[in-house]
């Protein structure tokens, strides 16, 4: 579906060069703002999905690590040999 009032890039460039930027329809600028909003939302969504996938991969790798399954350690390793949360 085409809502109208959208200029081609060539037309917009020509209008700007001719000093007619104020003549560009308000609906065109609404399209431009809409594209920017969708760009930001899309980037945020991709970031969230990527972060979720990375966390899942880290969990899977940790599950393969034999030291992450030491009884009573809850995955907290302290090189001194004592438990980190021992006093809590």
PDB file of N, CA and C in Angstrom:
ATOM      1  N   UNK A   1       0.844  -1.169   0.000  1.00  0.00           N
ATOM      2  CA  UNK A   1       0.000   0.000   0.000  1.00  0.00           C
ATOM      3  C   UNK A   1       0.894   1.239   0.000  1.00  0.00           C
ATOM      4  N   UNK A   2       0.537   2.211  -0.766  1.00  0.00           N
ATOM      5  CA  UNK A   2       1.297   3.445  -0.887  1.00  0.00           C
ATOM      6  C   UNK A   2       0.448   4.582  -0.344  1.00  0.00           C
ATOM      7  N   UNK A   3       0.954   5.257   0.664  1.00  0.00           N
ATOM      8  CA  UNK A   3       0.176   6.302   1.322  1.00  0.00           C
ATOM      9  C   UNK A   3       0.285   7.656   0.611  1.00  0.00           C
ATOM     10  N   UNK A   4       1.236   7.798  -0.298  1.00  0.00           N
ATOM     11  CA  UNK A   4       1.379   9.058  -1.020  1.00  0.00           C
ATOM     12  C   UNK A   4       2.258  10.054  -0.300  1.00  0.00           C
ATOM     13  N   UNK A   5       2.490  11.202  -0.925  1.00  0.00           N
ATOM     14  CA  UNK A   5       3.276  12.304  -0.368  1.00  0.00           C
ATOM     15  C   UNK A   5       4.738  11.952  -0.146  1.00  0.00           C
ATOM     16  N   UNK A   6       5.225  10.891  -0.794  1.00  0.00           N
ATOM     17  CA  UNK A   6       6.630  10.506  -0.624  1.00  0.00           C
ATOM     18  C   UNK A   6       7.380  10.842  -1.896  1.00  0.00           C
ATOM     19  N   UNK A   7       8.401  11.689  -1.770  1.00  0.00           N
ATOM     20  CA  UNK A   7       9.207  12.105  -2.916  1.00  0.00           C
ATOM     21  C   UNK A   7      10.357  11.129  -3.125  1.00  0.00           C
ATOM     22  N   UNK A   8      10.805  11.012  -4.360  1.00  0.00           N
ATOM     23  CA  UNK A   8      12.001  10.211  -4.623  1.00  0.00           C
ATOM     24  C   UNK A   8      13.224  10.974  -4.110  1.00  0.00           C
ATOM     25  N   UNK A   9      14.313  10.255  -3.923  1.00  0.00           N
ATOM     26  CA  UNK A   9      15.523  10.873  -3.407  1.00  0.00           C
ATOM     27  C   UNK A   9      16.023  11.961  -4.358  1.00  0.00           C
ATOM     28  N   UNK A  10      15.928  11.696  -5.654  1.00  0.00           N
ATOM     29  CA  UNK A  10      16.393  12.660  -6.655  1.00  0.00           C
ATOM     30  C   UNK A  10      15.592  13.959  -6.553  1.00  0.00           C
ATOM     31  N   UNK A  11      14.287  13.843  -6.391  1.00  0.00           N
ATOM     32  CA  UNK A  11      13.437  15.030  -6.270  1.00  0.00           C
ATOM     33  C   UNK A  11      13.794  15.829  -5.025  1.00  0.00           C
ATOM     34  N   UNK A  12      14.000  15.157  -3.914  1.00  0.00           N
ATOM     35  CA  UNK A  12      14.337  15.848  -2.662  1.00  0.00           C
ATOM     36  C   UNK A  12      15.684  16.560  -2.798  1.00  0.00           C
ATOM     37  N   UNK A  13      16.679  15.876  -3.375  1.00  0.00           N
ATOM     38  CA  UNK A  13      17.995  16.493  -3.557  1.00  0.00           C
ATOM     39  C   UNK A  13      17.875  17.726  -4.448  1.00  0.00           C
ATOM     40  N   UNK A  14      17.113  17.610  -5.531  1.00  0.00           N
ATOM     41  CA  UNK A  14      16.935  18.739  -6.441  1.00  0.00           C
ATOM     42  C   UNK A  14      16.230  19.910  -5.739  1.00  0.00           C
ATOM     43  N   UNK A  15      15.210  19.609  -4.938  1.00  0.00           N
ATOM     44  CA  UNK A  15      14.499  20.667  -4.217  1.00  0.00           C
ATOM     45  C   UNK A  15      15.416  21.368  -3.211  1.00  0.00           C
ATOM     46  N   UNK A  16      16.257  20.589  -2.535  1.00  0.00           N
ATOM     47  CA  UNK A  16      17.188  21.174  -1.562  1.00  0.00           C
ATOM     48  C   UNK A  16      18.201  22.060  -2.281  1.00  0.00           C
ATOM     49  N   UNK A  17      18.730  21.575  -3.418  1.00  0.00           N
ATOM     50  CA  UNK A  17      19.701  22.366  -4.181  1.00  0.00           C
ATOM     51  C   UNK A  17      19.086  23.655  -4.721  1.00  0.00           C
ATOM     52  N   UNK A  18      17.804  23.607  -5.051  1.00  0.00           N
ATOM     53  CA  UNK A  18      17.109  24.788  -5.576  1.00  0.00           C
ATOM     54  C   UNK A  18      16.608  25.705  -4.463  1.00  0.00           C
ATOM     55  N   UNK A  19      16.869  25.348  -3.198  1.00  0.00           N
ATOM     56  CA  UNK A  19      16.451  26.184  -2.081  1.00  0.00           C
ATOM     57  C   UNK A  19      14.969  26.063  -1.756  1.00  0.00           C
ATOM     58  N   UNK A  20      14.357  24.965  -2.139  1.00  0.00           N
ATOM     59  CA  UNK A  20      12.926  24.759  -1.899  1.00  0.00           C
ATOM     60  C   UNK A  20      12.666  23.793  -0.753  1.00  0.00           C
ATOM     61  N   UNK A  21      13.557  23.728   0.192  1.00  0.00           N
ATOM     62  CA  UNK A  21      13.407  22.773   1.292  1.00  0.00           C
ATOM     63  C   UNK A  21      12.128  23.023   2.096  1.00  0.00           C
ATOM     64  N   UNK A  22      11.704  24.272   2.179  1.00  0.00           N
ATOM     65  CA  UNK A  22      10.474  24.591   2.921  1.00  0.00           C
ATOM     66  C   UNK A  22       9.226  24.164   2.158  1.00  0.00           C
ATOM     67  N   UNK A  23       9.373  23.850   0.875  1.00  0.00           N
ATOM     68  CA  UNK A  23       8.241  23.427   0.046  1.00  0.00           C
ATOM     69  C   UNK A  23       7.985  21.918   0.145  1.00  0.00           C
ATOM     70  N   UNK A  24       8.903  21.195   0.783  1.00  0.00           N
ATOM     71  CA  UNK A  24       8.733  19.739   0.900  1.00  0.00           C
ATOM     72  C   UNK A  24       7.581  19.466   1.857  1.00  0.00           C
ATOM     73  N   UNK A  25       6.704  18.566   1.436  1.00  0.00           N
ATOM     74  CA  UNK A  25       5.485  18.249   2.184  1.00  0.00           C
ATOM     75  C   UNK A  25       5.799  17.727   3.586  1.00  0.00           C
ATOM     76  N   UNK A  26       4.979  18.092   4.552  1.00  0.00           N
ATOM     77  CA  UNK A  26       5.132  17.651   5.945  1.00  0.00           C
ATOM     78  C   UNK A  26       5.048  16.126   6.055  1.00  0.00           C
ATOM     79  N   UNK A  27       4.219  15.525   5.225  1.00  0.00           N
ATOM     80  CA  UNK A  27       4.089  14.067   5.262  1.00  0.00           C
ATOM     81  C   UNK A  27       5.395  13.380   4.873  1.00  0.00           C
ATOM     82  N   UNK A  28       6.182  13.992   4.010  1.00  0.00           N
ATOM     83  CA  UNK A  28       7.486  13.422   3.654  1.00  0.00           C
ATOM     84  C   UNK A  28       8.369  13.357   4.899  1.00  0.00           C
ATOM     85  N   UNK A  29       8.383  14.441   5.679  1.00  0.00           N
ATOM     86  CA  UNK A  29       9.201  14.462   6.891  1.00  0.00           C
ATOM     87  C   UNK A  29       8.686  13.449   7.914  1.00  0.00           C
ATOM     88  N   UNK A  30       7.380  13.193   7.901  1.00  0.00           N
ATOM     89  CA  UNK A  30       6.832  12.143   8.778  1.00  0.00           C
ATOM     90  C   UNK A  30       7.390  10.782   8.380  1.00  0.00           C
ATOM     91  N   UNK A  31       7.531  10.530   7.068  1.00  0.00           N
ATOM     92  CA  UNK A  31       8.159   9.294   6.606  1.00  0.00           C
ATOM     93  C   UNK A  31       9.604   9.202   7.106  1.00  0.00           C
ATOM     94  N   UNK A  32      10.335  10.301   6.995  1.00  0.00           N
ATOM     95  CA  UNK A  32      11.740  10.316   7.407  1.00  0.00           C
ATOM     96  C   UNK A  32      11.858  10.013   8.905  1.00  0.00           C
ATOM     97  N   UNK A  33      11.004  10.641   9.710  1.00  0.00           N
ATOM     98  CA  UNK A  33      11.012  10.380  11.156  1.00  0.00           C
ATOM     99  C   UNK A  33      10.627   8.924  11.430  1.00  0.00           C
ATOM    100  N   UNK A  34       9.636   8.423  10.702  1.00  0.00           N
ATOM    101  CA  UNK A  34       9.225   7.024  10.864  1.00  0.00           C
ATOM    102  C   UNK A  34      10.363   6.059  10.564  1.00  0.00           C
ATOM    103  N   UNK A  35      11.109   6.338   9.489  1.00  0.00           N
ATOM    104  CA  UNK A  35      12.260   5.491   9.167  1.00  0.00           C
ATOM    105  C   UNK A  35      13.286   5.520  10.293  1.00  0.00           C
ATOM    106  N   UNK A  36      13.544   6.704  10.836  1.00  0.00           N
ATOM    107  CA  UNK A  36      14.524   6.827  11.920  1.00  0.00           C
ATOM    108  C   UNK A  36      14.071   6.058  13.165  1.00  0.00           C
ATOM    109  N   UNK A  37      12.796   6.180  13.500  1.00  0.00           N
ATOM    110  CA  UNK A  37      12.260   5.472  14.660  1.00  0.00           C
ATOM    111  C   UNK A  37      12.367   3.958  14.457  1.00  0.00           C
ATOM    112  N   UNK A  38      11.988   3.487  13.271  1.00  0.00           N
ATOM    113  CA  UNK A  38      12.074   2.051  12.992  1.00  0.00           C
ATOM    114  C   UNK A  38      13.523   1.569  12.989  1.00  0.00           C
ATOM    115  N   UNK A  39      14.441   2.412  12.536  1.00  0.00           N
ATOM    116  CA  UNK A  39      15.859   2.064  12.562  1.00  0.00           C
ATOM    117  C   UNK A  39      16.331   1.843  13.999  1.00  0.00           C
ATOM    118  N   UNK A  40      15.984   2.766  14.887  1.00  0.00           N
ATOM    119  CA  UNK A  40      16.401   2.657  16.292  1.00  0.00           C
ATOM    120  C   UNK A  40      15.740   1.443  16.953  1.00  0.00           C
ATOM    121  N   UNK A  41      14.443   1.257  16.723  1.00  0.00           N
ATOM    122  CA  UNK A  41      13.749   0.103  17.307  1.00  0.00           C
ATOM    123  C   UNK A  41      14.332  -1.213  16.804  1.00  0.00           C
ATOM    124  N   UNK A  42      14.612  -1.281  15.511  1.00  0.00           N
ATOM    125  CA  UNK A  42      15.198  -2.491  14.940  1.00  0.00           C
ATOM    126  C   UNK A  42      16.566  -2.788  15.524  1.00  0.00           C
ATOM    127  N   UNK A  43      17.388  -1.748  15.685  1.00  0.00           N
ATOM    128  CA  UNK A  43      18.714  -1.939  16.261  1.00  0.00           C
ATOM    129  C   UNK A  43      18.609  -2.411  17.709  1.00  0.00           C
ATOM    130  N   UNK A  44      17.675  -1.848  18.467  1.00  0.00           N
ATOM    131  CA  UNK A  44      17.477  -2.270  19.864  1.00  0.00           C
ATOM    132  C   UNK A  44      17.025  -3.727  19.934  1.00  0.00           C
ATOM    133  N   UNK A  45      16.110  -4.095  19.069  1.00  0.00           N
ATOM    134  CA  UNK A  45      15.629  -5.487  19.058  1.00  0.00           C
ATOM    135  C   UNK A  45      16.764  -6.454  18.709  1.00  0.00           C
ATOM    136  N   UNK A  46      17.564  -6.108  17.711  1.00  0.00           N
ATOM    137  CA  UNK A  46      18.678  -6.973  17.338  1.00  0.00           C
ATOM    138  C   UNK A  46      19.687  -7.087  18.468  1.00  0.00           C
ATOM    139  N   UNK A  47      19.938  -5.990  19.156  1.00  0.00           N
ATOM    140  CA  UNK A  47      20.862  -6.016  20.281  1.00  0.00           C
ATOM    141  C   UNK A  47      20.350  -6.937  21.392  1.00  0.00           C
ATOM    142  N   UNK A  48      19.058  -6.835  21.685  1.00  0.00           N
ATOM    143  CA  UNK A  48      18.466  -7.682  22.724  1.00  0.00           C
ATOM    144  C   UNK A  48      18.572  -9.156  22.354  1.00  0.00           C
ATOM    145  N   UNK A  49      18.274  -9.484  21.102  1.00  0.00           N
ATOM    146  CA  UNK A  49      18.339 -10.882  20.661  1.00  0.00           C
ATOM    147  C   UNK A  49      19.779 -11.380  20.715  1.00  0.00           C
ATOM    148  N   UNK A  50      20.721 -10.566  20.238  1.00  0.00           N
ATOM    149  CA  UNK A  50      22.127 -10.960  20.264  1.00  0.00           C
ATOM    150  C   UNK A  50      22.605 -11.176  21.690  1.00  0.00           C
ATOM    151  N   UNK A  51      22.240 -10.273  22.589  1.00  0.00           N
ATOM    152  CA  UNK A  51      22.648 -10.404  23.992  1.00  0.00           C
ATOM    153  C   UNK A  51      22.064 -11.678  24.613  1.00  0.00           C
ATOM    154  N   UNK A  52      20.811 -11.982  24.290  1.00  0.00           N
ATOM    155  CA  UNK A  52      20.165 -13.193  24.810  1.00  0.00           C
ATOM    156  C   UNK A  52      20.879 -14.438  24.287  1.00  0.00           C
ATOM    157  N   UNK A  53      21.214 -14.444  22.998  1.00  0.00           N
ATOM    158  CA  UNK A  53      21.921 -15.587  22.419  1.00  0.00           C
ATOM    159  C   UNK A  53      23.303 -15.754  23.035  1.00  0.00           C
ATOM    160  N   UNK A  54      24.000 -14.645  23.289  1.00  0.00           N
ATOM    161  CA  UNK A  54      25.319 -14.728  23.905  1.00  0.00           C
ATOM    162  C   UNK A  54      25.237 -15.267  25.327  1.00  0.00           C
ATOM    163  N   UNK A  55      24.228 -14.834  26.085  1.00  0.00           N
ATOM    164  CA  UNK A  55      24.042 -15.358  27.447  1.00  0.00           C
ATOM    165  C   UNK A  55      23.760 -16.857  27.417  1.00  0.00           C
ATOM    166  N   UNK A  56      22.910 -17.280  26.478  1.00  0.00           N
ATOM    167  CA  UNK A  56      22.577 -18.703  26.362  1.00  0.00           C
ATOM    168  C   UNK A  56      23.825 -19.506  26.014  1.00  0.00           C
ATOM    169  N   UNK A  57      24.631 -18.984  25.099  1.00  0.00           N
ATOM    170  CA  UNK A  57      25.865 -19.674  24.718  1.00  0.00           C
ATOM    171  C   UNK A  57      26.821 -19.761  25.905  1.00  0.00           C
ATOM    172  N   UNK A  58      26.909 -18.692  26.698  1.00  0.00           N
ATOM    173  CA  UNK A  58      27.774 -18.702  27.882  1.00  0.00           C
ATOM    174  C   UNK A  58      27.293 -19.729  28.900  1.00  0.00           C
ATOM    175  N   UNK A  59      25.960 -19.829  29.065  1.00  0.00           N
ATOM    176  CA  UNK A  59      25.408 -20.842  29.991  1.00  0.00           C
ATOM    177  C   UNK A  59      25.743 -22.245  29.517  1.00  0.00           C
ATOM    178  N   UNK A  60      25.624 -22.473  28.211  1.00  0.00           N
ATOM    179  CA  UNK A  60      25.926 -23.798  27.665  1.00  0.00           C
ATOM    180  C   UNK A  60      27.400 -24.139  27.844  1.00  0.00           C
ATOM    181  N   UNK A  61      28.270 -23.149  27.620  1.00  0.00           N
ATOM    182  CA  UNK A  61      29.696 -23.374  27.815  1.00  0.00           C
ATOM    183  C   UNK A  61      30.009 -23.636  29.290  1.00  0.00           C
ATOM    184  N   UNK A  62      29.363 -22.907  30.181  1.00  0.00           N
ATOM    185  CA  UNK A  62      29.585 -23.107  31.616  1.00  0.00           C
ATOM    186  C   UNK A  62      29.105 -24.486  32.044  1.00  0.00           C
ATOM    187  N   UNK A  63      28.039 -24.971  31.438  1.00  0.00           N
ATOM    188  CA  UNK A  63      27.530 -26.304  31.790  1.00  0.00           C
ATOM    189  C   UNK A  63      28.507 -27.391  31.367  1.00  0.00           C
ATOM    190  N   UNK A  64      29.309 -27.124  30.337  1.00  0.00           N
ATOM    191  CA  UNK A  64      30.309 -28.100  29.880  1.00  0.00           C
ATOM    192  C   UNK A  64      31.556 -28.082  30.754  1.00  0.00           C
ATOM    193  N   UNK A  65      31.767 -27.006  31.497  1.00  0.00           N
ATOM    194  CA  UNK A  65      32.956 -26.846  32.323  1.00  0.00           C
ATOM    195  C   UNK A  65      32.815 -27.688  33.590  1.00  0.00           C
ATOM    196  N   UNK A  66      33.701 -28.651  33.813  1.00  0.00           N
ATOM    197  CA  UNK A  66      33.566 -29.514  35.001  1.00  0.00           C
ATOM    198  C   UNK A  66      33.731 -28.763  36.319  1.00  0.00           C
ATOM    199  N   UNK A  67      34.444 -27.636  36.326  1.00  0.00           N
ATOM    200  CA  UNK A  67      34.653 -26.888  37.554  1.00  0.00           C
ATOM    201  C   UNK A  67      33.441 -26.072  37.963  1.00  0.00           C
ATOM    202  N   UNK A  68      32.519 -25.863  37.042  1.00  0.00           N
ATOM    203  CA  UNK A  68      31.324 -25.107  37.402  1.00  0.00           C
ATOM    204  C   UNK A  68      30.317 -25.981  38.143  1.00  0.00           C
ATOM    205  N   UNK A  69      30.607 -27.283  38.245  1.00  0.00           N
ATOM    206  CA  UNK A  69      29.685 -28.196  38.911  1.00  0.00           C
ATOM    207  C   UNK A  69      30.255 -28.769  40.206  1.00  0.00           C
ATOM    208  N   UNK A  70      31.187 -28.066  40.837  1.00  0.00           N
ATOM    209  CA  UNK A  70      31.750 -28.516  42.103  1.00  0.00           C
ATOM    210  C   UNK A  70      30.662 -28.405  43.165  1.00  0.00           C
ATOM    211  N   UNK A  71      30.385 -29.477  43.925  1.00  0.00           N
ATOM    212  CA  UNK A  71      29.298 -29.434  44.913  1.00  0.00           C
ATOM    213  C   UNK A  71      29.491 -28.311  45.929  1.00  0.00           C
ATOM    214  N   UNK A  72      28.456 -27.542  46.134  1.00  0.00           N
ATOM    215  CA  UNK A  72      28.452 -26.492  47.134  1.00  0.00           C
ATOM    216  C   UNK A  72      29.105 -25.197  46.705  1.00  0.00           C
ATOM    217  N   UNK A  73      29.641 -25.148  45.500  1.00  0.00           N
ATOM    218  CA  UNK A  73      30.355 -23.932  45.103  1.00  0.00           C
ATOM    219  C   UNK A  73      29.441 -22.921  44.432  1.00  0.00           C
ATOM    220  N   UNK A  74      28.302 -23.341  43.936  1.00  0.00           N
ATOM    221  CA  UNK A  74      27.370 -22.454  43.232  1.00  0.00           C
ATOM    222  C   UNK A  74      28.059 -21.710  42.099  1.00  0.00           C
ATOM    223  N   UNK A  75      29.130 -22.287  41.561  1.00  0.00           N
ATOM    224  CA  UNK A  75      29.838 -21.669  40.458  1.00  0.00           C
ATOM    225  C   UNK A  75      30.767 -20.555  40.867  1.00  0.00           C
ATOM    226  N   UNK A  76      30.863 -20.249  42.167  1.00  0.00           N
ATOM    227  CA  UNK A  76      31.752 -19.190  42.642  1.00  0.00           C
ATOM    228  C   UNK A  76      33.078 -19.813  43.039  1.00  0.00           C
ATOM    229  N   UNK A  77      34.117 -19.489  42.321  1.00  0.00           N
ATOM    230  CA  UNK A  77      35.433 -20.056  42.595  1.00  0.00           C
ATOM    231  C   UNK A  77      36.322 -19.007  43.221  1.00  0.00           C
ATOM    232  N   UNK A  78      36.966 -19.365  44.278  1.00  0.00           N
ATOM    233  CA  UNK A  78      37.903 -18.486  44.957  1.00  0.00           C
ATOM    234  C   UNK A  78      39.253 -19.197  44.946  1.00  0.00           C
ATOM    235  N   UNK A  79      40.282 -18.618  44.364  1.00  0.00           N
ATOM    236  CA  UNK A  79      41.584 -19.286  44.271  1.00  0.00           C
ATOM    237  C   UNK A  79      42.199 -19.631  45.620  1.00  0.00           C
ATOM    238  N   UNK A  80      41.783 -18.990  46.695  1.00  0.00           N
ATOM    239  CA  UNK A  80      42.341 -19.298  48.008  1.00  0.00           C
ATOM    240  C   UNK A  80      41.868 -20.637  48.523  1.00  0.00           C
ATOM    241  N   UNK A  81      40.858 -21.208  47.871  1.00  0.00           N
ATOM    242  CA  UNK A  81      40.377 -22.517  48.265  1.00  0.00           C
ATOM    243  C   UNK A  81      39.170 -22.454  49.173  1.00  0.00           C
ATOM    244  N   UNK A  82      38.845 -21.293  49.723  1.00  0.00           N
ATOM    245  CA  UNK A  82      37.676 -21.212  50.576  1.00  0.00           C
ATOM    246  C   UNK A  82      36.466 -20.797  49.753  1.00  0.00           C
ATOM    247  N   UNK A  83      35.302 -21.032  50.286  1.00  0.00           N
ATOM    248  CA  UNK A  83      34.078 -20.674  49.586  1.00  0.00           C
ATOM    249  C   UNK A  83      33.838 -19.171  49.702  1.00  0.00           C
ATOM    250  N   UNK A  84      33.427 -18.546  48.634  1.00  0.00           N
ATOM    251  CA  UNK A  84      33.191 -17.112  48.639  1.00  0.00           C
ATOM    252  C   UNK A  84      32.019 -16.758  49.568  1.00  0.00           C
ATOM    253  N   UNK A  85      30.961 -17.514  49.484  1.00  0.00           N
ATOM    254  CA  UNK A  85      29.755 -17.229  50.263  1.00  0.00           C
ATOM    255  C   UNK A  85      29.685 -18.088  51.523  1.00  0.00           C
ATOM    256  N   UNK A  86      30.811 -18.494  52.028  1.00  0.00           N
ATOM    257  CA  UNK A  86      30.874 -19.414  53.137  1.00  0.00           C
ATOM    258  C   UNK A  86      30.265 -18.830  54.423  1.00  0.00           C
ATOM    259  N   UNK A  87      30.433 -17.525  54.665  1.00  0.00           N
ATOM    260  CA  UNK A  87      29.951 -16.930  55.894  1.00  0.00           C
ATOM    261  C   UNK A  87      28.535 -16.394  55.775  1.00  0.00           C
ATOM    262  N   UNK A  88      27.962 -16.426  54.610  1.00  0.00           N
ATOM    263  CA  UNK A  88      26.627 -15.831  54.423  1.00  0.00           C
ATOM    264  C   UNK A  88      25.547 -16.821  54.695  1.00  0.00           C
TER     265      UNK A  88
END
